[in-house]
PDB file of N, CA and C in Angstrom:
ATOM      1  N   MET A   1      -4.887  -1.851 -14.524  1.00  0.00           N
ATOM      2  CA  MET A   1      -5.512  -0.939 -13.578  1.00  0.00           C
ATOM      3  C   MET A   1      -5.873  -1.652 -12.284  1.00  0.00           C
ATOM      4  N   PHE A   2      -6.348  -2.901 -12.381  1.00  0.00           N
ATOM      5  CA  PHE A   2      -6.741  -3.629 -11.185  1.00  0.00           C
ATOM      6  C   PHE A   2      -5.559  -3.780 -10.230  1.00  0.00           C
ATOM      7  N   LYS A   3      -4.374  -3.994 -10.767  1.00  0.00           N
ATOM      8  CA  LYS A   3      -3.193  -4.139  -9.915  1.00  0.00           C
ATOM      9  C   LYS A   3      -2.887  -2.830  -9.184  1.00  0.00           C
ATOM     10  N   LEU A   4      -3.117  -1.705  -9.833  1.00  0.00           N
ATOM     11  CA  LEU A   4      -2.928  -0.409  -9.182  1.00  0.00           C
ATOM     12  C   LEU A   4      -3.929  -0.257  -8.037  1.00  0.00           C
ATOM     13  N   THR A   5      -5.154  -0.694  -8.267  1.00  0.00           N
ATOM     14  CA  THR A   5      -6.182  -0.625  -7.230  1.00  0.00           C
ATOM     15  C   THR A   5      -5.769  -1.428  -6.008  1.00  0.00           C
ATOM     16  N   ILE A   6      -5.203  -2.595  -6.233  1.00  0.00           N
ATOM     17  CA  ILE A   6      -4.728  -3.427  -5.114  1.00  0.00           C
ATOM     18  C   ILE A   6      -3.686  -2.676  -4.312  1.00  0.00           C
ATOM     19  N   GLN A   7      -2.741  -2.061  -4.990  1.00  0.00           N
ATOM     20  CA  GLN A   7      -1.669  -1.344  -4.305  1.00  0.00           C
ATOM     21  C   GLN A   7      -2.196  -0.135  -3.529  1.00  0.00           C
ATOM     22  N   LEU A   8      -3.125   0.583  -4.116  1.00  0.00           N
ATOM     23  CA  LEU A   8      -3.726   1.727  -3.411  1.00  0.00           C
ATOM     24  C   LEU A   8      -4.493   1.246  -2.175  1.00  0.00           C
ATOM     25  N   TYR A   9      -5.159   0.121  -2.308  1.00  0.00           N
ATOM     26  CA  TYR A   9      -5.926  -0.440  -1.190  1.00  0.00           C
ATOM     27  C   TYR A   9      -4.993  -0.882  -0.060  1.00  0.00           C
ATOM     28  N   ILE A  10      -3.871  -1.501  -0.403  1.00  0.00           N
ATOM     29  CA  ILE A  10      -2.889  -1.919   0.610  1.00  0.00           C
ATOM     30  C   ILE A  10      -2.402  -0.698   1.389  1.00  0.00           C
ATOM     31  N   GLU A  11      -2.060   0.361   0.688  1.00  0.00           N
ATOM     32  CA  GLU A  11      -1.599   1.595   1.341  1.00  0.00           C
ATOM     33  C   GLU A  11      -2.671   2.148   2.274  1.00  0.00           C
ATOM     34  N   GLN A  12      -3.900   2.147   1.803  1.00  0.00           N
ATOM     35  CA  GLN A  12      -5.005   2.682   2.596  1.00  0.00           C
ATOM     36  C   GLN A  12      -5.224   1.857   3.861  1.00  0.00           C
ATOM     37  N   ILE A  13      -5.170   0.555   3.745  1.00  0.00           N
ATOM     38  CA  ILE A  13      -5.371  -0.322   4.910  1.00  0.00           C
ATOM     39  C   ILE A  13      -4.230  -0.138   5.916  1.00  0.00           C
ATOM     40  N   LEU A  14      -2.998  -0.154   5.437  1.00  0.00           N
ATOM     41  CA  LEU A  14      -1.854  -0.055   6.344  1.00  0.00           C
ATOM     42  C   LEU A  14      -1.753   1.299   7.028  1.00  0.00           C
ATOM     43  N   SER A  15      -2.124   2.354   6.325  1.00  0.00           N
ATOM     44  CA  SER A  15      -1.984   3.694   6.905  1.00  0.00           C
ATOM     45  C   SER A  15      -3.239   4.159   7.628  1.00  0.00           C
ATOM     46  N   GLY A  16      -4.384   3.603   7.272  1.00  0.00           N
ATOM     47  CA  GLY A  16      -5.634   4.067   7.854  1.00  0.00           C
ATOM     48  C   GLY A  16      -6.074   5.397   7.273  1.00  0.00           C
ATOM     49  N   SER A  17      -5.582   5.711   6.082  1.00  0.00           N
ATOM     50  CA  SER A  17      -5.870   6.997   5.455  1.00  0.00           C
ATOM     51  C   SER A  17      -5.999   6.809   3.947  1.00  0.00           C
ATOM     52  N   LYS A  18      -6.600   7.772   3.287  1.00  0.00           N
ATOM     53  CA  LYS A  18      -6.760   7.724   1.844  1.00  0.00           C
ATOM     54  C   LYS A  18      -5.394   7.800   1.156  1.00  0.00           C
ATOM     55  N   SER A  19      -5.209   6.959   0.149  1.00  0.00           N
ATOM     56  CA  SER A  19      -3.936   6.937  -0.566  1.00  0.00           C
ATOM     57  C   SER A  19      -4.032   7.745  -1.862  1.00  0.00           C
ATOM     58  N   TYR A  20      -2.866   8.136  -2.370  1.00  0.00           N
ATOM     59  CA  TYR A  20      -2.802   8.896  -3.617  1.00  0.00           C
ATOM     60  C   TYR A  20      -1.462   8.667  -4.294  1.00  0.00           C
ATOM     61  N   LEU A  21      -1.375   9.007  -5.570  1.00  0.00           N
ATOM     62  CA  LEU A  21      -0.144   8.875  -6.337  1.00  0.00           C
ATOM     63  C   LEU A  21       0.565  10.219  -6.409  1.00  0.00           C
ATOM     64  N   ALA A  22       1.893  10.176  -6.373  1.00  0.00           N
ATOM     65  CA  ALA A  22       2.692  11.389  -6.540  1.00  0.00           C
ATOM     66  C   ALA A  22       3.988  11.016  -7.247  1.00  0.00           C
ATOM     67  N   SER A  23       4.562  11.977  -7.923  1.00  0.00           N
ATOM     68  CA  SER A  23       5.783  11.756  -8.679  1.00  0.00           C
ATOM     69  C   SER A  23       6.926  12.589  -8.106  1.00  0.00           C
ATOM     70  N   HIS A  24       8.078  11.933  -7.915  1.00  0.00           N
ATOM     71  CA  HIS A  24       9.280  12.621  -7.436  1.00  0.00           C
ATOM     72  C   HIS A  24      10.505  12.070  -8.174  1.00  0.00           C
ATOM     73  N   PRO A  25      10.598  12.332  -9.486  1.00  0.00           N
ATOM     74  CA  PRO A  25      11.726  11.802 -10.248  1.00  0.00           C
ATOM     75  C   PRO A  25      13.072  12.336  -9.766  1.00  0.00           C
ATOM     76  N   GLU A  26      13.051  13.508  -9.157  1.00  0.00           N
ATOM     77  CA  GLU A  26      14.306  14.082  -8.637  1.00  0.00           C
ATOM     78  C   GLU A  26      14.878  13.257  -7.484  1.00  0.00           C
ATOM     79  N   LEU A  27      14.039  12.390  -6.893  1.00  0.00           N
ATOM     80  CA  LEU A  27      14.476  11.520  -5.790  1.00  0.00           C
ATOM     81  C   LEU A  27      14.509  10.047  -6.208  1.00  0.00           C
ATOM     82  N   GLY A  28      14.363   9.793  -7.499  1.00  0.00           N
ATOM     83  CA  GLY A  28      14.400   8.421  -7.997  1.00  0.00           C
ATOM     84  C   GLY A  28      13.072   7.693  -7.914  1.00  0.00           C
ATOM     85  N   VAL A  29      11.984   8.425  -7.727  1.00  0.00           N
ATOM     86  CA  VAL A  29      10.656   7.822  -7.645  1.00  0.00           C
ATOM     87  C   VAL A  29       9.780   8.466  -8.721  1.00  0.00           C
ATOM     88  N   PRO A  30       9.747   7.865  -9.939  1.00  0.00           N
ATOM     89  CA  PRO A  30       8.930   8.452 -11.000  1.00  0.00           C
ATOM     90  C   PRO A  30       7.449   8.523 -10.628  1.00  0.00           C
ATOM     91  N   ILE A  31       6.977   7.502  -9.898  1.00  0.00           N
ATOM     92  CA  ILE A  31       5.610   7.512  -9.363  1.00  0.00           C
ATOM     93  C   ILE A  31       5.581   6.618  -8.127  1.00  0.00           C
ATOM     94  N   GLY A  32       4.915   7.091  -7.093  1.00  0.00           N
ATOM     95  CA  GLY A  32       4.839   6.331  -5.852  1.00  0.00           C
ATOM     96  C   GLY A  32       3.474   6.488  -5.212  1.00  0.00           C
ATOM     97  N   ILE A  33       3.185   5.624  -4.255  1.00  0.00           N
ATOM     98  CA  ILE A  33       1.909   5.651  -3.548  1.00  0.00           C
ATOM     99  C   ILE A  33       2.148   6.211  -2.150  1.00  0.00           C
ATOM    100  N   PHE A  34       1.381   7.231  -1.810  1.00  0.00           N
ATOM    101  CA  PHE A  34       1.500   7.903  -0.521  1.00  0.00           C
ATOM    102  C   PHE A  34       0.118   7.968   0.125  1.00  0.00           C
ATOM    103  N   ASN A  35       0.049   8.468   1.366  1.00  0.00           N
ATOM    104  CA  ASN A  35      -1.246   8.630   2.019  1.00  0.00           C
ATOM    105  C   ASN A  35      -1.310   9.992   2.696  1.00  0.00           C
ATOM    106  N   TYR A  36      -2.548  10.472   2.862  1.00  0.00           N
ATOM    107  CA  TYR A  36      -2.750  11.827   3.387  1.00  0.00           C
ATOM    108  C   TYR A  36      -2.431  11.960   4.879  1.00  0.00           C
ATOM    109  N   LYS A  37      -2.424  10.866   5.603  1.00  0.00           N
ATOM    110  CA  LYS A  37      -2.122  10.934   7.035  1.00  0.00           C
ATOM    111  C   LYS A  37      -0.625  11.139   7.272  1.00  0.00           C
ATOM    112  N   ASP A  38       0.199  10.341   6.609  1.00  0.00           N
ATOM    113  CA  ASP A  38       1.644  10.389   6.841  1.00  0.00           C
ATOM    114  C   ASP A  38       2.377  11.338   5.896  1.00  0.00           C
ATOM    115  N   GLU A  39       1.844  11.534   4.696  1.00  0.00           N
ATOM    116  CA  GLU A  39       2.502  12.400   3.717  1.00  0.00           C
ATOM    117  C   GLU A  39       1.512  13.403   3.120  1.00  0.00           C
ATOM    118  N   PRO A  40       1.090  14.375   3.908  1.00  0.00           N
ATOM    119  CA  PRO A  40       0.121  15.347   3.400  1.00  0.00           C
ATOM    120  C   PRO A  40       0.726  16.406   2.474  1.00  0.00           C
ATOM    121  N   ASP A  41       2.065  16.508   2.479  1.00  0.00           N
ATOM    122  CA  ASP A  41       2.696  17.560   1.682  1.00  0.00           C
ATOM    123  C   ASP A  41       4.041  17.091   1.116  1.00  0.00           C
ATOM    124  N   TYR A  42       4.633  17.957   0.326  1.00  0.00           N
ATOM    125  CA  TYR A  42       5.897  17.644  -0.350  1.00  0.00           C
ATOM    126  C   TYR A  42       6.997  17.253   0.638  1.00  0.00           C
ATOM    127  N   GLU A  43       7.165  18.024   1.694  1.00  0.00           N
ATOM    128  CA  GLU A  43       8.242  17.777   2.648  1.00  0.00           C
ATOM    129  C   GLU A  43       8.124  16.401   3.303  1.00  0.00           C
ATOM    130  N   SER A  44       6.912  16.014   3.658  1.00  0.00           N
ATOM    131  CA  SER A  44       6.738  14.711   4.301  1.00  0.00           C
ATOM    132  C   SER A  44       6.951  13.565   3.309  1.00  0.00           C
ATOM    133  N   ARG A  45       6.606  13.790   2.034  1.00  0.00           N
ATOM    134  CA  ARG A  45       6.882  12.764   1.019  1.00  0.00           C
ATOM    135  C   ARG A  45       8.388  12.594   0.838  1.00  0.00           C
ATOM    136  N   VAL A  46       9.108  13.706   0.789  1.00  0.00           N
ATOM    137  CA  VAL A  46      10.566  13.641   0.648  1.00  0.00           C
ATOM    138  C   VAL A  46      11.172  12.895   1.835  1.00  0.00           C
ATOM    139  N   LYS A  47      10.690  13.176   3.043  1.00  0.00           N
ATOM    140  CA  LYS A  47      11.189  12.509   4.246  1.00  0.00           C
ATOM    141  C   LYS A  47      10.946  10.991   4.168  1.00  0.00           C
ATOM    142  N   SER A  48       9.763  10.590   3.707  1.00  0.00           N
ATOM    143  CA  SER A  48       9.450   9.157   3.574  1.00  0.00           C
ATOM    144  C   SER A  48      10.325   8.494   2.525  1.00  0.00           C
ATOM    145  N   ILE A  49      10.528   9.172   1.399  1.00  0.00           N
ATOM    146  CA  ILE A  49      11.371   8.604   0.346  1.00  0.00           C
ATOM    147  C   ILE A  49      12.800   8.436   0.847  1.00  0.00           C
ATOM    148  N   LYS A  50      13.299   9.418   1.597  1.00  0.00           N
ATOM    149  CA  LYS A  50      14.651   9.303   2.137  1.00  0.00           C
ATOM    150  C   LYS A  50      14.744   8.174   3.166  1.00  0.00           C
ATOM    151  N   LYS A  51      13.668   7.938   3.894  1.00  0.00           N
ATOM    152  CA  LYS A  51      13.665   6.868   4.895  1.00  0.00           C
ATOM    153  C   LYS A  51      13.658   5.493   4.234  1.00  0.00           C
ATOM    154  N   TYR A  52      12.786   5.292   3.228  1.00  0.00           N
ATOM    155  CA  TYR A  52      12.607   3.971   2.637  1.00  0.00           C
ATOM    156  C   TYR A  52      13.354   3.752   1.332  1.00  0.00           C
ATOM    157  N   GLY A  53      13.843   4.808   0.703  1.00  0.00           N
ATOM    158  CA  GLY A  53      14.525   4.656  -0.571  1.00  0.00           C
ATOM    159  C   GLY A  53      13.548   4.576  -1.733  1.00  0.00           C
ATOM    160  N   SER A  54      14.088   4.343  -2.915  1.00  0.00           N
ATOM    161  CA  SER A  54      13.263   4.374  -4.122  1.00  0.00           C
ATOM    162  C   SER A  54      12.341   3.167  -4.267  1.00  0.00           C
ATOM    163  N   LYS A  55      12.560   2.102  -3.481  1.00  0.00           N
ATOM    164  CA  LYS A  55      11.697   0.918  -3.570  1.00  0.00           C
ATOM    165  C   LYS A  55      10.509   0.989  -2.619  1.00  0.00           C
ATOM    166  N   GLY A  56      10.528   1.874  -1.659  1.00  0.00           N
ATOM    167  CA  GLY A  56       9.406   2.041  -0.755  1.00  0.00           C
ATOM    168  C   GLY A  56       9.409   1.098   0.432  1.00  0.00           C
ATOM    169  N   ASN A  57       8.288   1.065   1.124  1.00  0.00           N
ATOM    170  CA  ASN A  57       8.134   0.274   2.339  1.00  0.00           C
ATOM    171  C   ASN A  57       8.164  -1.225   2.017  1.00  0.00           C
ATOM    172  N   PRO A  58       9.029  -1.995   2.679  1.00  0.00           N
ATOM    173  CA  PRO A  58       9.130  -3.425   2.377  1.00  0.00           C
ATOM    174  C   PRO A  58       7.860  -4.218   2.718  1.00  0.00           C
ATOM    175  N   VAL A  59       7.110  -3.793   3.719  1.00  0.00           N
ATOM    176  CA  VAL A  59       5.869  -4.496   4.071  1.00  0.00           C
ATOM    177  C   VAL A  59       4.866  -4.364   2.927  1.00  0.00           C
ATOM    178  N   SER A  60       4.719  -3.171   2.394  1.00  0.00           N
ATOM    179  CA  SER A  60       3.813  -2.946   1.271  1.00  0.00           C
ATOM    180  C   SER A  60       4.245  -3.741   0.042  1.00  0.00           C
ATOM    181  N   ARG A  61       5.548  -3.789  -0.197  1.00  0.00           N
ATOM    182  CA  ARG A  61       6.070  -4.546  -1.351  1.00  0.00           C
ATOM    183  C   ARG A  61       5.731  -6.023  -1.226  1.00  0.00           C
ATOM    184  N   GLU A  62       5.943  -6.573  -0.042  1.00  0.00           N
ATOM    185  CA  GLU A  62       5.670  -7.998   0.153  1.00  0.00           C
ATOM    186  C   GLU A  62       4.182  -8.311   0.015  1.00  0.00           C
ATOM    187  N   LEU A  63       3.342  -7.425   0.534  1.00  0.00           N
ATOM    188  CA  LEU A  63       1.891  -7.623   0.389  1.00  0.00           C
ATOM    189  C   LEU A  63       1.490  -7.573  -1.081  1.00  0.00           C
ATOM    190  N   ALA A  64       2.051  -6.642  -1.818  1.00  0.00           N
ATOM    191  CA  ALA A  64       1.735  -6.543  -3.248  1.00  0.00           C
ATOM    192  C   ALA A  64       2.153  -7.829  -3.968  1.00  0.00           C
ATOM    193  N   LYS A  65       3.314  -8.371  -3.619  1.00  0.00           N
ATOM    194  CA  LYS A  65       3.760  -9.631  -4.218  1.00  0.00           C
ATOM    195  C   LYS A  65       2.792 -10.761  -3.898  1.00  0.00           C
ATOM    196  N   LEU A  66       2.321 -10.806  -2.644  1.00  0.00           N
ATOM    197  CA  LEU A  66       1.371 -11.845  -2.247  1.00  0.00           C
ATOM    198  C   LEU A  66       0.079 -11.777  -3.061  1.00  0.00           C
ATOM    199  N   PHE A  67      -0.298 -10.585  -3.474  1.00  0.00           N
ATOM    200  CA  PHE A  67      -1.512 -10.398  -4.265  1.00  0.00           C
ATOM    201  C   PHE A  67      -1.250 -10.467  -5.772  1.00  0.00           C
ATOM    202  N   GLY A  68      -0.057 -10.909  -6.144  1.00  0.00           N
ATOM    203  CA  GLY A  68       0.239 -11.144  -7.552  1.00  0.00           C
ATOM    204  C   GLY A  68       0.602  -9.921  -8.361  1.00  0.00           C
ATOM    205  N   VAL A  69       1.004  -8.856  -7.698  1.00  0.00           N
ATOM    206  CA  VAL A  69       1.403  -7.643  -8.425  1.00  0.00           C
ATOM    207  C   VAL A  69       2.851  -7.816  -8.866  1.00  0.00           C
ATOM    208  N   SER A  70       3.078  -7.740 -10.171  1.00  0.00           N
ATOM    209  CA  SER A  70       4.436  -7.937 -10.677  1.00  0.00           C
ATOM    210  C   SER A  70       5.193  -6.616 -10.836  1.00  0.00           C
ATOM    211  N   GLU A  71       4.499  -5.560 -11.198  1.00  0.00           N
ATOM    212  CA  GLU A  71       5.130  -4.246 -11.345  1.00  0.00           C
ATOM    213  C   GLU A  71       4.709  -3.383 -10.157  1.00  0.00           C
ATOM    214  N   ILE A  72       5.469  -3.470  -9.088  1.00  0.00           N
ATOM    215  CA  ILE A  72       5.094  -2.844  -7.818  1.00  0.00           C
ATOM    216  C   ILE A  72       5.554  -1.384  -7.787  1.00  0.00           C
ATOM    217  N   LEU A  73       4.607  -0.498  -7.506  1.00  0.00           N
ATOM    218  CA  LEU A  73       4.949   0.905  -7.280  1.00  0.00           C
ATOM    219  C   LEU A  73       5.419   1.056  -5.840  1.00  0.00           C
ATOM    220  N   PRO A  74       6.420   1.891  -5.591  1.00  0.00           N
ATOM    221  CA  PRO A  74       6.851   2.079  -4.210  1.00  0.00           C
ATOM    222  C   PRO A  74       5.750   2.741  -3.375  1.00  0.00           C
ATOM    223  N   SER A  75       5.623   2.263  -2.153  1.00  0.00           N
ATOM    224  CA  SER A  75       4.602   2.767  -1.237  1.00  0.00           C
ATOM    225  C   SER A  75       5.301   3.300   0.009  1.00  0.00           C
ATOM    226  N   TYR A  76       4.789   4.386   0.580  1.00  0.00           N
ATOM    227  CA  TYR A  76       5.503   5.073   1.649  1.00  0.00           C
ATOM    228  C   TYR A  76       4.657   5.390   2.868  1.00  0.00           C
ATOM    229  N   GLN A  77       3.956   4.414   3.407  1.00  0.00           N
ATOM    230  CA  GLN A  77       3.231   4.722   4.639  1.00  0.00           C
ATOM    231  C   GLN A  77       4.176   4.540   5.821  1.00  0.00           C
ATOM    232  N   MET A  78       3.975   5.337   6.846  1.00  0.00           N
ATOM    233  CA  MET A  78       4.756   5.198   8.074  1.00  0.00           C
ATOM    234  C   MET A  78       3.991   5.849   9.213  1.00  0.00           C
ATOM    235  N   SER A  79       4.244   5.353  10.400  1.00  0.00           N
ATOM    236  CA  SER A  79       3.601   5.925  11.582  1.00  0.00           C
ATOM    237  C   SER A  79       4.432   5.563  12.802  1.00  0.00           C
ATOM    238  N   ALA A  80       4.060   6.105  13.943  1.00  0.00           N
ATOM    239  CA  ALA A  80       4.807   5.847  15.172  1.00  0.00           C
ATOM    240  C   ALA A  80       4.781   4.369  15.527  1.00  0.00           C
ATOM    241  N   SER A  81       3.644   3.744  15.339  1.00  0.00           N
ATOM    242  CA  SER A  81       3.534   2.309  15.642  1.00  0.00           C
ATOM    243  C   SER A  81       3.387   1.544  14.337  1.00  0.00           C
ATOM    244  N   GLU A  82       4.404   1.660  13.496  1.00  0.00           N
ATOM    245  CA  GLU A  82       4.360   1.091  12.157  1.00  0.00           C
ATOM    246  C   GLU A  82       4.112  -0.413  12.162  1.00  0.00           C
ATOM    247  N   LEU A  83       4.758  -1.124  13.030  1.00  0.00           N
ATOM    248  CA  LEU A  83       4.575  -2.573  13.075  1.00  0.00           C
ATOM    249  C   LEU A  83       3.144  -2.930  13.454  1.00  0.00           C
ATOM    250  N   GLU A  84       2.609  -2.262  14.468  1.00  0.00           N
ATOM    251  CA  GLU A  84       1.225  -2.520  14.875  1.00  0.00           C
ATOM    252  C   GLU A  84       0.258  -2.238  13.738  1.00  0.00           C
ATOM    253  N   ALA A  85       0.438  -1.130  13.085  1.00  0.00           N
ATOM    254  CA  ALA A  85      -0.443  -0.767  11.972  1.00  0.00           C
ATOM    255  C   ALA A  85      -0.330  -1.795  10.852  1.00  0.00           C
ATOM    256  N   SER A  86       0.883  -2.256  10.597  1.00  0.00           N
ATOM    257  CA  SER A  86       1.077  -3.258   9.551  1.00  0.00           C
ATOM    258  C   SER A  86       0.365  -4.554   9.909  1.00  0.00           C
ATOM    259  N   LEU A  87       0.486  -4.963  11.166  1.00  0.00           N
ATOM    260  CA  LEU A  87      -0.184  -6.198  11.582  1.00  0.00           C
ATOM    261  C   LEU A  87      -1.699  -6.053  11.533  1.00  0.00           C
ATOM    262  N   GLU A  88      -2.213  -4.917  11.949  1.00  0.00           N
ATOM    263  CA  GLU A  88      -3.654  -4.675  11.864  1.00  0.00           C
ATOM    264  C   GLU A  88      -4.093  -4.686  10.406  1.00  0.00           C
ATOM    265  N   GLY A  89      -3.308  -4.059   9.560  1.00  0.00           N
ATOM    266  CA  GLY A  89      -3.620  -4.032   8.133  1.00  0.00           C
ATOM    267  C   GLY A  89      -3.613  -5.416   7.520  1.00  0.00           C
ATOM    268  N   LEU A  90      -2.635  -6.225   7.922  1.00  0.00           N
ATOM    269  CA  LEU A  90      -2.582  -7.599   7.423  1.00  0.00           C
ATOM    270  C   LEU A  90      -3.819  -8.384   7.843  1.00  0.00           C
ATOM    271  N   ASN A  91      -4.240  -8.198   9.079  1.00  0.00           N
ATOM    272  CA  ASN A  91      -5.442  -8.893   9.554  1.00  0.00           C
ATOM    273  C   ASN A  91      -6.667  -8.449   8.779  1.00  0.00           C
ATOM    274  N   LYS A  92      -6.789  -7.152   8.509  1.00  0.00           N
ATOM    275  CA  LYS A  92      -7.930  -6.649   7.738  1.00  0.00           C
ATOM    276  C   LYS A  92      -7.914  -7.221   6.324  1.00  0.00           C
ATOM    277  N   ILE A  93      -6.729  -7.237   5.714  1.00  0.00           N
ATOM    278  CA  ILE A  93      -6.612  -7.774   4.359  1.00  0.00           C
ATOM    279  C   ILE A  93      -6.962  -9.260   4.352  1.00  0.00           C
ATOM    280  N   GLU A  94      -6.495  -9.980   5.360  1.00  0.00           N
ATOM    281  CA  GLU A  94      -6.811 -11.407   5.450  1.00  0.00           C
ATOM    282  C   GLU A  94      -8.319 -11.617   5.565  1.00  0.00           C
ATOM    283  N   ASN A  95      -8.977 -10.803   6.379  1.00  0.00           N
ATOM    284  CA  ASN A  95     -10.432 -10.909   6.526  1.00  0.00           C
ATOM    285  C   ASN A  95     -11.139 -10.581   5.214  1.00  0.00           C
ATOM    286  N   LYS A  96     -10.713  -9.505   4.557  1.00  0.00           N
ATOM    287  CA  LYS A  96     -11.324  -9.118   3.280  1.00  0.00           C
ATOM    288  C   LYS A  96     -11.094 -10.196   2.223  1.00  0.00           C
ATOM    289  N   THR A  97      -9.894 -10.797   2.219  1.00  0.00           N
ATOM    290  CA  THR A  97      -9.601 -11.861   1.266  1.00  0.00           C
ATOM    291  C   THR A  97     -10.524 -13.044   1.501  1.00  0.00           C
ATOM    292  N   GLY A  98     -10.757 -13.368   2.772  1.00  0.00           N
ATOM    293  CA  GLY A  98     -11.689 -14.452   3.097  1.00  0.00           C
ATOM    294  C   GLY A  98     -13.084 -14.143   2.609  1.00  0.00           C
ATOM    295  N   ASP A  99     -13.536 -12.912   2.791  1.00  0.00           N
ATOM    296  CA  ASP A  99     -14.861 -12.496   2.314  1.00  0.00           C
ATOM    297  C   ASP A  99     -14.947 -12.608   0.792  1.00  0.00           C
ATOM    298  N   ILE A 100     -13.902 -12.158   0.111  1.00  0.00           N
ATOM    299  CA  ILE A 100     -13.886 -12.216  -1.351  1.00  0.00           C
ATOM    300  C   ILE A 100     -13.912 -13.663  -1.825  1.00  0.00           C
ATOM    301  N   ASN A 101     -13.136 -14.513  -1.176  1.00  0.00           N
ATOM    302  CA  ASN A 101     -13.116 -15.931  -1.549  1.00  0.00           C
ATOM    303  C   ASN A 101     -14.484 -16.571  -1.355  1.00  0.00           C
ATOM    304  N   LYS A 102     -15.195 -16.198  -0.295  1.00  0.00           N
ATOM    305  CA  LYS A 102     -16.546 -16.722  -0.062  1.00  0.00           C
ATOM    306  C   LYS A 102     -17.491 -16.283  -1.175  1.00  0.00           C
ATOM    307  N   LEU A 103     -17.399 -15.011  -1.572  1.00  0.00           N
ATOM    308  CA  LEU A 103     -18.246 -14.510  -2.646  1.00  0.00           C
ATOM    309  C   LEU A 103     -17.951 -15.236  -3.962  1.00  0.00           C
ATOM    310  N   ILE A 104     -16.698 -15.467  -4.234  1.00  0.00           N
ATOM    311  CA  ILE A 104     -16.309 -16.182  -5.469  1.00  0.00           C
ATOM    312  C   ILE A 104     -16.857 -17.600  -5.439  1.00  0.00           C
ATOM    313  N   ALA A 105     -16.727 -18.259  -4.283  1.00  0.00           N
ATOM    314  CA  ALA A 105     -17.241 -19.626  -4.160  1.00  0.00           C
ATOM    315  C   ALA A 105     -18.746 -19.675  -4.373  1.00  0.00           C
ATOM    316  N   LYS A 106     -19.478 -18.691  -3.830  1.00  0.00           N
ATOM    317  CA  LYS A 106     -20.933 -18.633  -4.016  1.00  0.00           C
ATOM    318  C   LYS A 106     -21.286 -18.460  -5.492  1.00  0.00           C
ATOM    319  N   GLN A 107     -20.555 -17.575  -6.162  1.00  0.00           N
ATOM    320  CA  GLN A 107     -20.844 -17.324  -7.575  1.00  0.00           C
ATOM    321  C   GLN A 107     -20.534 -18.556  -8.417  1.00  0.00           C
ATOM    322  N   GLU A 108     -19.493 -19.289  -8.071  1.00  0.00           N
ATOM    323  CA  GLU A 108     -19.150 -20.489  -8.817  1.00  0.00           C
ATOM    324  C   GLU A 108     -20.194 -21.580  -8.620  1.00  0.00           C
ATOM    325  N   GLN A 109     -20.848 -21.617  -7.462  1.00  0.00           N
ATOM    326  CA  GLN A 109     -21.868 -22.619  -7.188  1.00  0.00           C
ATOM    327  C   GLN A 109     -23.143 -22.346  -7.969  1.00  0.00           C
ATOM    328  N   GLN A 110     -23.388 -21.098  -8.312  1.00  0.00           N
ATOM    329  CA  GLN A 110     -24.627 -20.727  -9.002  1.00  0.00           C
ATOM    330  C   GLN A 110     -24.565 -21.043 -10.426  1.00  0.00           C
TER     331      GLN A 110
END
């Protein structure tokens, strides 16, 4: 479950919107991660799946790998300034990772 949480969080950071799971086996995606900003309905999810394929957004996949997720669900965030959003998301994740590492270090010292 924790690995799923990581993937949902990555989608939320990159898209700037709440993420959710949806199933589209007819398009080769038994379960995927979407967001309410870019994919609020069936038609927009289908459009994203056709754009990225059954493996999803490569930026999301690489981030999931960096966080140790071995069974990666396809993620489908997209926007007009996709690269900018991805870079902003990476910076936010890097900052949050630093905060988490500090908390872990404090707990280990106690």
